[in-house]
């Protein structure tokens, strides 16, 4: 009798009880067949690892859960970041990142207003790191096996948009 009861209890539990219920789920659509987006998600954080051989493309990321995780980080495996854009349907963030005299130089603006750059005090400030193939801050471009790490700000997810659209252009695109 105990065995039957145990089986009944297991049968009544939802499948998600065994599948990392707290992990966020996403649907990712890319422009090109050879673009690849790997999602590493855990409760409270999502990391999107983006590889784009052509160096110019876009992706749409739709949340399938109730809300976005507290932290959303993108790793763009490019050689250079001429242009980056993230849109949530209401706000558009634009950026470019380069290295000058061995130090990162990041420009960030919103809604196409390049002449009104955002600064670190803005709630929409987006932290962008340039990481070399050795995992350390890069000293020069083009990157060799490195990436641009973009931490999207919480303010970008206000209103809990269903999807975000990302666009990128590599300085050294093919």
N, C-alpha and C. Protein backbone atom coordinates (compact mmCIF):
# COMPACT_ATOMS: atom_id res chain seq x y z
N UNK A 1 0.81 -1.19 0.00
CA UNK A 1 0.00 0.00 0.00
C UNK A 1 0.87 1.27 0.00
N UNK A 2 1.95 1.25 0.73
CA UNK A 2 2.84 2.41 0.77
C UNK A 2 3.45 2.67 -0.61
N UNK A 3 3.79 1.63 -1.32
CA UNK A 3 4.38 1.81 -2.64
C UNK A 3 3.38 2.46 -3.58
N UNK A 4 2.15 2.01 -3.56
CA UNK A 4 1.13 2.62 -4.42
C UNK A 4 0.90 4.08 -4.06
N UNK A 5 0.88 4.39 -2.81
CA UNK A 5 0.70 5.77 -2.38
C UNK A 5 1.86 6.63 -2.87
N UNK A 6 3.07 6.13 -2.74
CA UNK A 6 4.24 6.87 -3.21
C UNK A 6 4.16 7.11 -4.71
N UNK A 7 3.79 6.12 -5.48
CA UNK A 7 3.65 6.29 -6.92
C UNK A 7 2.57 7.31 -7.25
N UNK A 8 1.50 7.30 -6.52
CA UNK A 8 0.42 8.26 -6.73
C UNK A 8 0.92 9.69 -6.47
N UNK A 9 1.68 9.88 -5.42
CA UNK A 9 2.20 11.21 -5.09
C UNK A 9 3.15 11.69 -6.18
N UNK A 10 4.05 10.84 -6.64
CA UNK A 10 4.98 11.21 -7.71
C UNK A 10 4.21 11.53 -8.98
N UNK A 11 3.20 10.76 -9.30
CA UNK A 11 2.42 10.97 -10.50
C UNK A 11 1.68 12.30 -10.47
N UNK A 12 1.27 12.77 -9.30
CA UNK A 12 0.52 14.02 -9.18
C UNK A 12 1.41 15.25 -9.23
N UNK A 13 2.71 15.10 -8.99
CA UNK A 13 3.61 16.25 -9.03
C UNK A 13 3.80 16.70 -10.48
N UNK A 14 3.83 18.01 -10.73
CA UNK A 14 4.05 18.48 -12.10
C UNK A 14 5.46 18.12 -12.57
N UNK A 15 5.60 17.93 -13.85
CA UNK A 15 6.91 17.58 -14.42
C UNK A 15 7.95 18.64 -14.09
N UNK A 16 7.53 19.91 -13.99
CA UNK A 16 8.49 20.98 -13.70
C UNK A 16 9.12 20.84 -12.33
N UNK A 17 8.50 20.06 -11.45
CA UNK A 17 9.08 19.87 -10.12
C UNK A 17 10.42 19.15 -10.22
N UNK A 18 10.64 18.45 -11.32
CA UNK A 18 11.88 17.71 -11.50
C UNK A 18 12.79 18.36 -12.54
N UNK A 19 12.41 19.50 -13.08
CA UNK A 19 13.17 20.08 -14.20
C UNK A 19 13.71 21.46 -13.90
N UNK A 20 14.18 21.70 -12.68
CA UNK A 20 14.76 23.01 -12.37
C UNK A 20 13.73 24.11 -12.51
N UNK A 21 12.63 23.98 -11.79
CA UNK A 21 11.48 24.87 -11.90
C UNK A 21 11.84 26.36 -11.88
N UNK A 22 12.91 26.75 -11.14
CA UNK A 22 13.24 28.16 -11.03
C UNK A 22 14.06 28.69 -12.20
N UNK A 23 14.52 27.83 -13.10
CA UNK A 23 15.34 28.28 -14.21
C UNK A 23 14.48 29.00 -15.25
N UNK A 24 14.87 30.21 -15.64
CA UNK A 24 14.12 30.91 -16.68
C UNK A 24 14.25 30.22 -18.03
N UNK A 25 13.22 30.33 -18.85
CA UNK A 25 13.22 29.72 -20.18
C UNK A 25 13.05 30.81 -21.22
N UNK A 26 13.69 30.61 -22.38
CA UNK A 26 13.66 31.62 -23.44
C UNK A 26 13.53 30.97 -24.80
N UNK A 27 12.95 31.72 -25.73
CA UNK A 27 12.93 31.32 -27.13
C UNK A 27 13.81 32.34 -27.86
N UNK A 28 14.80 31.86 -28.59
CA UNK A 28 15.74 32.74 -29.29
C UNK A 28 15.63 32.49 -30.79
N UNK A 29 15.44 33.58 -31.54
CA UNK A 29 15.37 33.52 -33.00
C UNK A 29 16.48 34.40 -33.55
N UNK A 30 17.32 33.84 -34.44
CA UNK A 30 18.41 34.61 -35.03
C UNK A 30 18.13 34.87 -36.51
N UNK A 31 18.81 35.87 -37.03
CA UNK A 31 18.63 36.24 -38.43
C UNK A 31 19.26 35.23 -39.38
N UNK A 32 20.45 34.76 -39.03
CA UNK A 32 21.21 33.88 -39.92
C UNK A 32 21.26 32.46 -39.36
N UNK A 33 21.28 31.50 -40.27
CA UNK A 33 21.32 30.09 -39.87
C UNK A 33 22.59 29.74 -39.10
N UNK A 34 23.71 30.43 -39.42
CA UNK A 34 24.96 30.08 -38.74
C UNK A 34 25.20 30.89 -37.46
N UNK A 35 24.29 31.78 -37.09
CA UNK A 35 24.38 32.43 -35.78
C UNK A 35 24.03 31.39 -34.73
N UNK A 36 24.70 31.45 -33.60
CA UNK A 36 24.42 30.50 -32.52
C UNK A 36 24.27 31.27 -31.22
N UNK A 37 23.23 30.93 -30.45
CA UNK A 37 23.02 31.54 -29.15
C UNK A 37 22.85 30.41 -28.14
N UNK A 38 23.79 30.34 -27.22
CA UNK A 38 23.71 29.36 -26.13
C UNK A 38 23.17 30.09 -24.91
N UNK A 39 22.20 29.50 -24.23
CA UNK A 39 21.60 30.11 -23.06
C UNK A 39 22.02 29.32 -21.83
N UNK A 40 22.60 30.04 -20.88
CA UNK A 40 22.91 29.44 -19.58
C UNK A 40 22.06 30.19 -18.56
N UNK A 41 21.03 29.53 -18.09
CA UNK A 41 20.09 30.19 -17.19
C UNK A 41 20.03 29.47 -15.86
N UNK A 42 19.93 30.26 -14.83
CA UNK A 42 19.70 29.74 -13.50
C UNK A 42 18.82 30.75 -12.80
N UNK A 43 18.32 30.40 -11.65
CA UNK A 43 17.40 31.29 -10.97
C UNK A 43 18.05 32.67 -10.76
N UNK A 44 17.39 33.69 -11.28
CA UNK A 44 17.87 35.06 -11.08
C UNK A 44 18.87 35.56 -12.10
N UNK A 45 19.36 34.70 -13.02
CA UNK A 45 20.37 35.14 -13.98
C UNK A 45 20.24 34.37 -15.29
N UNK A 46 20.49 35.09 -16.38
CA UNK A 46 20.55 34.45 -17.70
C UNK A 46 21.77 35.00 -18.44
N UNK A 47 22.55 34.08 -19.00
CA UNK A 47 23.71 34.43 -19.80
C UNK A 47 23.46 33.93 -21.21
N UNK A 48 23.56 34.84 -22.19
CA UNK A 48 23.37 34.50 -23.59
C UNK A 48 24.72 34.60 -24.29
N UNK A 49 25.23 33.48 -24.77
CA UNK A 49 26.52 33.44 -25.45
C UNK A 49 26.24 33.43 -26.95
N UNK A 50 26.60 34.54 -27.61
CA UNK A 50 26.24 34.76 -29.01
C UNK A 50 27.48 34.65 -29.89
N UNK A 51 27.38 33.77 -30.90
CA UNK A 51 28.46 33.63 -31.87
C UNK A 51 27.88 33.90 -33.25
N UNK A 52 28.51 34.84 -33.95
CA UNK A 52 28.00 35.31 -35.23
C UNK A 52 29.15 35.35 -36.24
N UNK A 53 29.35 34.27 -37.00
CA UNK A 53 30.48 34.23 -37.94
C UNK A 53 30.53 35.38 -38.94
N UNK A 54 29.37 35.86 -39.40
CA UNK A 54 29.37 36.95 -40.38
C UNK A 54 29.68 38.30 -39.73
N UNK A 55 29.43 38.40 -38.42
CA UNK A 55 29.73 39.63 -37.70
C UNK A 55 28.66 40.69 -37.78
N UNK A 56 27.60 40.46 -38.52
CA UNK A 56 26.51 41.42 -38.60
C UNK A 56 25.20 40.63 -38.62
N UNK A 57 24.37 40.88 -37.59
CA UNK A 57 23.14 40.10 -37.50
C UNK A 57 22.26 40.65 -36.39
N UNK A 58 21.22 39.88 -36.07
CA UNK A 58 20.36 40.24 -34.95
C UNK A 58 19.70 38.98 -34.38
N UNK A 59 19.17 39.14 -33.18
CA UNK A 59 18.46 38.05 -32.50
C UNK A 59 17.30 38.63 -31.72
N UNK A 60 16.23 37.85 -31.61
CA UNK A 60 15.09 38.20 -30.76
C UNK A 60 15.05 37.17 -29.64
N UNK A 61 15.02 37.66 -28.41
CA UNK A 61 14.93 36.78 -27.24
C UNK A 61 13.59 37.02 -26.58
N UNK A 62 12.79 35.97 -26.52
CA UNK A 62 11.47 36.04 -25.86
C UNK A 62 11.53 35.28 -24.56
N UNK A 63 11.02 35.89 -23.51
CA UNK A 63 10.92 35.17 -22.24
C UNK A 63 9.70 34.27 -22.31
N UNK A 64 9.82 33.07 -21.80
CA UNK A 64 8.69 32.16 -21.76
C UNK A 64 8.13 32.05 -20.35
N UNK A 65 8.83 32.65 -19.39
CA UNK A 65 8.37 32.65 -18.01
C UNK A 65 7.60 33.91 -17.70
N UNK A 66 7.27 34.07 -16.44
CA UNK A 66 6.49 35.21 -15.97
C UNK A 66 7.24 36.53 -16.08
N UNK A 67 8.55 36.50 -15.81
CA UNK A 67 9.33 37.74 -15.80
C UNK A 67 10.77 37.46 -16.18
N UNK A 68 11.50 38.53 -16.46
CA UNK A 68 12.92 38.43 -16.77
C UNK A 68 13.70 38.17 -15.49
N UNK A 69 14.83 37.48 -15.59
CA UNK A 69 15.66 37.30 -14.40
C UNK A 69 16.25 38.64 -13.95
N UNK A 70 16.76 38.66 -12.74
CA UNK A 70 17.34 39.90 -12.19
C UNK A 70 18.56 40.35 -12.98
N UNK A 71 19.31 39.41 -13.52
CA UNK A 71 20.52 39.74 -14.29
C UNK A 71 20.44 39.11 -15.68
N UNK A 72 20.65 39.93 -16.71
CA UNK A 72 20.70 39.44 -18.09
C UNK A 72 22.03 39.93 -18.68
N UNK A 73 22.86 38.95 -19.07
CA UNK A 73 24.20 39.26 -19.57
C UNK A 73 24.36 38.62 -20.95
N UNK A 74 24.95 39.38 -21.86
CA UNK A 74 25.21 38.91 -23.22
C UNK A 74 26.71 38.80 -23.42
N UNK A 75 27.14 37.75 -24.07
CA UNK A 75 28.55 37.63 -24.47
C UNK A 75 28.58 37.53 -25.98
N UNK A 76 29.03 38.61 -26.60
CA UNK A 76 29.11 38.68 -28.05
C UNK A 76 30.52 38.29 -28.48
N UNK A 77 30.65 37.13 -29.09
CA UNK A 77 31.94 36.65 -29.57
C UNK A 77 32.20 37.26 -30.94
N UNK A 78 32.76 38.45 -30.91
CA UNK A 78 33.09 39.22 -32.11
C UNK A 78 34.53 39.67 -32.01
N UNK A 79 35.08 40.19 -33.09
CA UNK A 79 36.44 40.71 -33.06
C UNK A 79 36.47 42.18 -32.67
N UNK A 80 35.37 42.88 -32.95
CA UNK A 80 35.23 44.30 -32.61
C UNK A 80 33.76 44.63 -32.53
N UNK A 81 33.41 45.66 -31.81
CA UNK A 81 31.99 46.02 -31.66
C UNK A 81 31.76 47.43 -32.19
N UNK A 82 31.52 47.50 -33.51
CA UNK A 82 31.26 48.78 -34.16
C UNK A 82 29.92 49.34 -33.69
N UNK A 83 28.92 48.45 -33.61
CA UNK A 83 27.58 48.90 -33.25
C UNK A 83 26.84 47.79 -32.51
N UNK A 84 26.16 48.17 -31.44
CA UNK A 84 25.31 47.25 -30.69
C UNK A 84 24.01 47.98 -30.38
N UNK A 85 22.90 47.27 -30.50
CA UNK A 85 21.60 47.86 -30.19
C UNK A 85 20.75 46.82 -29.47
N UNK A 86 20.08 47.27 -28.41
CA UNK A 86 19.12 46.43 -27.68
C UNK A 86 17.83 47.24 -27.57
N UNK A 87 16.72 46.61 -27.94
CA UNK A 87 15.43 47.29 -27.88
C UNK A 87 14.43 46.40 -27.14
N UNK A 88 13.60 47.04 -26.32
CA UNK A 88 12.55 46.30 -25.61
C UNK A 88 11.16 46.69 -26.12
N UNK A 89 11.09 47.43 -27.21
CA UNK A 89 9.82 47.88 -27.76
C UNK A 89 9.47 49.30 -27.35
N UNK A 90 10.04 49.77 -26.25
CA UNK A 90 9.80 51.14 -25.78
C UNK A 90 11.08 51.95 -25.74
N UNK A 91 12.18 51.30 -25.34
CA UNK A 91 13.47 51.96 -25.21
C UNK A 91 14.48 51.23 -26.08
N UNK A 92 15.33 52.01 -26.74
CA UNK A 92 16.41 51.44 -27.53
C UNK A 92 17.74 51.95 -26.98
N UNK A 93 18.63 51.02 -26.66
CA UNK A 93 19.97 51.36 -26.21
C UNK A 93 20.94 51.07 -27.34
N UNK A 94 21.84 52.01 -27.62
CA UNK A 94 22.87 51.83 -28.63
C UNK A 94 24.23 51.98 -27.98
N UNK A 95 25.20 51.24 -28.50
CA UNK A 95 26.56 51.33 -27.96
C UNK A 95 27.58 50.99 -29.02
N UNK A 96 28.79 51.43 -28.77
CA UNK A 96 29.95 50.97 -29.53
C UNK A 96 31.09 50.86 -28.53
N UNK A 97 31.99 49.95 -28.81
CA UNK A 97 33.10 49.74 -27.89
C UNK A 97 34.38 49.53 -28.69
N UNK A 98 35.44 50.15 -28.21
CA UNK A 98 36.74 50.00 -28.86
C UNK A 98 37.81 50.04 -27.78
N UNK A 99 39.04 49.97 -28.20
CA UNK A 99 40.17 50.07 -27.28
C UNK A 99 41.08 51.16 -27.80
N UNK A 100 41.40 52.11 -26.91
CA UNK A 100 42.28 53.22 -27.27
C UNK A 100 43.42 53.27 -26.25
N UNK A 101 44.64 53.23 -26.72
CA UNK A 101 45.82 53.23 -25.84
C UNK A 101 45.73 52.13 -24.79
N UNK A 102 45.24 50.95 -25.19
CA UNK A 102 45.17 49.80 -24.29
C UNK A 102 44.02 49.82 -23.30
N UNK A 103 43.14 50.84 -23.40
CA UNK A 103 42.01 50.94 -22.46
C UNK A 103 40.69 50.93 -23.21
N UNK A 104 39.67 50.31 -22.61
CA UNK A 104 38.37 50.27 -23.29
C UNK A 104 37.75 51.66 -23.41
N UNK A 105 37.12 51.88 -24.54
CA UNK A 105 36.39 53.13 -24.77
C UNK A 105 34.98 52.74 -25.20
N UNK A 106 34.01 53.04 -24.34
CA UNK A 106 32.62 52.65 -24.59
C UNK A 106 31.77 53.90 -24.72
N UNK A 107 30.95 53.92 -25.77
CA UNK A 107 29.97 55.01 -25.94
C UNK A 107 28.59 54.37 -25.88
N UNK A 108 27.67 55.03 -25.18
CA UNK A 108 26.33 54.50 -24.98
C UNK A 108 25.31 55.63 -25.07
N UNK A 109 24.22 55.42 -25.81
CA UNK A 109 23.15 56.41 -25.92
C UNK A 109 21.83 55.69 -26.07
N UNK A 110 20.73 56.43 -25.95
CA UNK A 110 19.42 55.79 -26.08
C UNK A 110 18.57 56.46 -27.13
N UNK A 111 17.65 55.68 -27.68
CA UNK A 111 16.66 56.15 -28.64
C UNK A 111 17.26 56.92 -29.82
N UNK A 112 18.45 56.48 -30.28
CA UNK A 112 19.06 57.07 -31.46
C UNK A 112 19.72 58.42 -31.25
N UNK A 113 19.75 58.93 -30.02
CA UNK A 113 20.31 60.26 -29.74
C UNK A 113 21.81 60.14 -29.42
N UNK A 114 22.60 59.91 -30.45
CA UNK A 114 24.03 59.71 -30.27
C UNK A 114 24.73 60.95 -29.71
N UNK A 115 24.16 62.12 -29.95
CA UNK A 115 24.75 63.36 -29.44
C UNK A 115 24.42 63.60 -27.96
N UNK A 116 23.66 62.70 -27.34
CA UNK A 116 23.33 62.81 -25.91
C UNK A 116 23.72 61.49 -25.22
N UNK A 117 25.03 61.25 -25.05
CA UNK A 117 25.48 59.98 -24.48
C UNK A 117 25.02 59.79 -23.03
N UNK A 118 24.81 58.54 -22.68
CA UNK A 118 24.47 58.20 -21.29
C UNK A 118 25.75 58.12 -20.48
N UNK A 119 25.65 58.41 -19.19
CA UNK A 119 26.80 58.24 -18.32
C UNK A 119 26.46 57.22 -17.24
N UNK A 120 27.42 56.92 -16.40
CA UNK A 120 27.26 55.87 -15.39
C UNK A 120 26.17 56.17 -14.37
N UNK A 121 25.70 57.40 -14.28
CA UNK A 121 24.63 57.75 -13.34
C UNK A 121 23.25 57.40 -13.89
N UNK A 122 23.15 57.16 -15.18
CA UNK A 122 21.87 56.84 -15.80
C UNK A 122 21.40 55.44 -15.38
N UNK A 123 20.10 55.27 -15.08
CA UNK A 123 19.60 53.93 -14.76
C UNK A 123 19.69 52.98 -15.96
N UNK A 124 19.88 53.54 -17.16
CA UNK A 124 20.01 52.71 -18.36
C UNK A 124 21.48 52.45 -18.74
N UNK A 125 22.40 52.90 -17.88
CA UNK A 125 23.81 52.66 -18.16
C UNK A 125 24.02 51.16 -18.30
N UNK A 126 24.74 50.77 -19.33
CA UNK A 126 24.99 49.37 -19.63
C UNK A 126 26.48 49.11 -19.51
N UNK A 127 26.82 48.20 -18.63
CA UNK A 127 28.23 47.87 -18.43
C UNK A 127 28.70 46.97 -19.56
N UNK A 128 29.77 47.39 -20.26
CA UNK A 128 30.32 46.60 -21.36
C UNK A 128 31.80 46.35 -21.06
N UNK A 129 32.15 45.08 -20.99
CA UNK A 129 33.55 44.69 -20.78
C UNK A 129 34.09 44.08 -22.07
N UNK A 130 35.37 44.33 -22.35
CA UNK A 130 36.04 43.74 -23.51
C UNK A 130 37.04 42.73 -22.97
N UNK A 131 36.78 41.45 -23.26
CA UNK A 131 37.54 40.36 -22.65
C UNK A 131 38.33 39.62 -23.73
N UNK A 132 39.63 39.45 -23.49
CA UNK A 132 40.48 38.73 -24.43
C UNK A 132 40.31 37.22 -24.30
N UNK A 133 40.92 36.48 -25.20
CA UNK A 133 40.84 35.03 -25.21
C UNK A 133 41.39 34.39 -23.95
N UNK A 134 42.23 35.12 -23.19
CA UNK A 134 42.78 34.60 -21.94
C UNK A 134 41.88 34.88 -20.73
N UNK A 135 40.71 35.51 -20.99
CA UNK A 135 39.78 35.81 -19.90
C UNK A 135 40.09 37.11 -19.16
N UNK A 136 41.12 37.81 -19.58
CA UNK A 136 41.52 39.08 -18.94
C UNK A 136 41.07 40.24 -19.82
N UNK A 137 41.00 41.45 -19.25
CA UNK A 137 40.64 42.61 -20.07
C UNK A 137 41.55 42.71 -21.30
N UNK A 138 40.93 42.87 -22.46
CA UNK A 138 41.68 42.94 -23.72
C UNK A 138 42.46 44.24 -23.80
N UNK A 139 43.59 44.20 -24.47
CA UNK A 139 44.45 45.37 -24.65
C UNK A 139 44.39 45.92 -26.06
N UNK A 140 43.87 45.10 -27.01
CA UNK A 140 43.83 45.53 -28.40
C UNK A 140 42.73 44.80 -29.16
N UNK A 141 42.40 45.40 -30.29
CA UNK A 141 41.46 44.79 -31.23
C UNK A 141 42.20 44.53 -32.53
N UNK A 142 41.83 43.58 -33.33
CA UNK A 142 40.68 42.70 -33.17
C UNK A 142 40.91 41.65 -32.08
N UNK A 143 39.81 41.27 -31.42
CA UNK A 143 39.89 40.23 -30.40
C UNK A 143 40.21 38.89 -31.05
N UNK A 144 40.98 38.10 -30.35
CA UNK A 144 41.27 36.74 -30.78
C UNK A 144 40.66 35.81 -29.73
N UNK A 145 39.54 35.18 -30.08
CA UNK A 145 38.83 34.27 -29.17
C UNK A 145 38.27 34.98 -27.93
N UNK A 146 38.10 36.27 -27.99
CA UNK A 146 37.53 37.01 -26.87
C UNK A 146 36.07 37.33 -27.10
N UNK A 147 35.54 38.23 -26.27
CA UNK A 147 34.13 38.60 -26.39
C UNK A 147 33.87 39.95 -25.74
N UNK A 148 32.74 40.50 -26.09
CA UNK A 148 32.23 41.73 -25.48
C UNK A 148 31.12 41.29 -24.53
N UNK A 149 31.26 41.61 -23.27
CA UNK A 149 30.25 41.22 -22.29
C UNK A 149 29.38 42.44 -21.96
N UNK A 150 28.10 42.30 -22.24
CA UNK A 150 27.14 43.39 -22.07
C UNK A 150 26.15 43.00 -20.98
N UNK A 151 26.18 43.73 -19.86
CA UNK A 151 25.23 43.49 -18.76
C UNK A 151 24.09 44.49 -18.92
N UNK A 152 22.95 44.00 -19.36
CA UNK A 152 21.80 44.90 -19.55
C UNK A 152 21.27 45.35 -18.20
N UNK A 153 20.94 46.64 -18.06
CA UNK A 153 20.49 47.16 -16.76
C UNK A 153 19.06 46.74 -16.43
N UNK A 154 18.75 46.66 -15.14
CA UNK A 154 17.39 46.31 -14.70
C UNK A 154 16.37 47.29 -15.27
N UNK A 155 16.72 48.56 -15.36
CA UNK A 155 15.77 49.58 -15.86
C UNK A 155 15.31 49.25 -17.28
N UNK A 156 16.13 48.54 -18.04
CA UNK A 156 15.78 48.17 -19.41
C UNK A 156 14.58 47.20 -19.43
N UNK A 157 14.38 46.49 -18.33
CA UNK A 157 13.31 45.48 -18.26
C UNK A 157 12.06 45.98 -17.53
N UNK A 158 12.01 47.27 -17.22
CA UNK A 158 10.81 47.83 -16.59
C UNK A 158 9.62 47.63 -17.51
N UNK A 159 8.50 47.26 -16.94
CA UNK A 159 7.31 46.97 -17.73
C UNK A 159 7.30 45.52 -18.20
N UNK A 160 8.37 44.76 -17.88
CA UNK A 160 8.44 43.33 -18.18
C UNK A 160 8.12 43.00 -19.64
N UNK A 161 8.92 43.54 -20.59
CA UNK A 161 8.62 43.28 -22.01
C UNK A 161 8.64 41.79 -22.31
N UNK A 162 7.81 41.38 -23.25
CA UNK A 162 7.76 39.97 -23.64
C UNK A 162 9.03 39.55 -24.36
N UNK A 163 9.63 40.47 -25.13
CA UNK A 163 10.82 40.13 -25.92
C UNK A 163 11.76 41.33 -26.00
N UNK A 164 13.02 41.03 -26.28
CA UNK A 164 14.00 42.07 -26.58
C UNK A 164 14.65 41.70 -27.92
N UNK A 165 15.07 42.73 -28.64
CA UNK A 165 15.74 42.52 -29.93
C UNK A 165 17.15 43.06 -29.83
N UNK A 166 18.11 42.27 -30.28
CA UNK A 166 19.52 42.65 -30.26
C UNK A 166 20.04 42.74 -31.68
N UNK A 167 20.84 43.75 -31.96
CA UNK A 167 21.50 43.92 -33.26
C UNK A 167 22.98 44.19 -33.00
N UNK A 168 23.84 43.66 -33.86
CA UNK A 168 25.27 43.91 -33.69
C UNK A 168 25.96 43.97 -35.05
N UNK A 169 27.04 44.76 -35.05
CA UNK A 169 27.90 44.85 -36.23
C UNK A 169 29.34 44.79 -35.72
N UNK A 170 30.10 43.86 -36.27
CA UNK A 170 31.51 43.69 -35.93
C UNK A 170 32.35 44.61 -36.83
N UNK A 171 33.33 45.31 -36.23
CA UNK A 171 34.25 46.12 -37.03
C UNK A 171 34.87 45.30 -38.15
N UNK A 172 35.15 44.05 -37.83
CA UNK A 172 35.93 43.19 -38.71
C UNK A 172 35.05 42.12 -39.36
N UNK A 173 33.83 42.48 -39.70
CA UNK A 173 32.89 41.49 -40.26
C UNK A 173 33.39 40.95 -41.59
N UNK A 174 32.89 39.79 -41.91
CA UNK A 174 33.30 39.13 -43.16
C UNK A 174 32.43 39.56 -44.31
